[in-house]
Amino acid sequence: MSVISLNAPATQQSHDTKLKASTWVKLRELPSPYSHDEALLLCKTEDGFWIAWIPDYGEIKLSPRQILGH
């Protein structure tokens, strides 16, 4: 399974401290028209991104900006 980034900048934002692994979050935009609008956060990367799992899509690398409310 491949990890895909949705062209978000690699800047780390201070407001992502509320996010934690094993949390379901809403996405600002869908990576595929057939994927769900929520993702399960798996782990945070050293560069401030999150590895997440999206039902009907798979694993993805998310920027905090791609998560609704962050």
Protein backbone atom coordinates (compact mmCIF):
# COMPACT_ATOMS: atom_id res chain seq x y z
CA MET A 1 0.00 0.00 0.00
CA SER A 2 1.43 3.38 -0.92
CA VAL A 3 1.46 6.55 1.15
CA ILE A 4 0.20 9.62 -0.68
CA SER A 5 0.54 13.26 0.25
CA LEU A 6 -2.11 15.68 -0.98
CA ASN A 7 0.40 18.43 -1.88
CA ALA A 8 0.29 20.12 1.50
CA PRO A 9 3.30 22.16 2.63
CA ALA A 10 5.64 20.53 5.11
CA THR A 11 5.30 23.21 7.75
CA GLN A 12 4.54 22.08 11.26
CA GLN A 13 1.77 23.98 12.97
CA SER A 14 1.48 24.54 16.69
CA HIS A 15 -2.28 23.89 16.83
CA ASP A 16 -1.90 20.21 15.91
CA THR A 17 -1.00 19.38 19.52
CA LYS A 18 -4.65 18.42 20.12
CA LEU A 19 -4.30 15.59 17.63
CA LYS A 20 -3.28 12.17 18.89
CA ALA A 21 -2.94 8.66 17.53
CA SER A 22 -6.00 6.38 17.48
CA THR A 23 -8.30 9.37 16.93
CA TRP A 24 -10.84 9.67 14.11
CA VAL A 25 -10.72 13.05 12.36
CA LYS A 26 -12.73 14.69 9.57
CA LEU A 27 -10.89 15.56 6.36
CA ARG A 28 -11.06 18.91 4.56
CA GLU A 29 -10.96 17.16 1.18
CA LEU A 30 -11.25 13.57 0.07
CA PRO A 31 -8.25 11.85 -1.52
CA SER A 32 -10.69 9.93 -3.73
CA PRO A 33 -14.35 10.44 -4.61
CA TYR A 34 -14.99 6.97 -3.20
CA SER A 35 -13.19 7.33 0.13
CA HIS A 36 -14.75 8.22 3.47
CA ASP A 37 -14.52 11.73 4.88
CA GLU A 38 -12.84 10.56 8.08
CA ALA A 39 -9.38 9.19 8.83
CA LEU A 40 -7.92 7.26 11.74
CA LEU A 41 -4.65 8.83 12.86
CA LEU A 42 -1.98 6.15 13.26
CA CYS A 43 1.21 8.03 14.13
CA LYS A 44 2.85 11.42 13.81
CA THR A 45 5.96 11.76 11.68
CA GLU A 46 9.07 13.73 12.59
CA ASP A 47 8.17 16.42 10.06
CA GLY A 48 4.76 17.13 11.66
CA PHE A 49 2.61 15.09 9.28
CA TRP A 50 0.32 12.23 10.30
CA ILE A 51 0.13 8.72 8.89
CA ALA A 52 -3.56 7.87 8.80
CA TRP A 53 -5.92 5.21 7.49
CA ILE A 54 -9.01 6.13 5.48
CA PRO A 55 -11.77 3.55 4.90
CA ASP A 56 -12.11 2.57 1.24
CA TYR A 57 -8.77 4.26 0.50
CA GLY A 58 -5.94 3.00 2.71
CA GLU A 59 -2.94 4.68 4.28
CA ILE A 60 -2.13 8.32 3.62
CA LYS A 61 0.27 10.97 4.86
CA LEU A 62 -1.70 14.01 6.05
CA SER A 63 -0.69 17.54 6.89
CA PRO A 64 -2.49 19.00 9.93
CA ARG A 65 -3.99 21.53 7.48
CA GLN A 66 -5.82 18.68 5.73
CA ILE A 67 -7.67 17.83 8.95
CA LEU A 68 -10.90 19.73 9.52
CA GLY A 69 -10.71 22.01 12.53
CA HIS A 70 -6.91 22.21 12.55
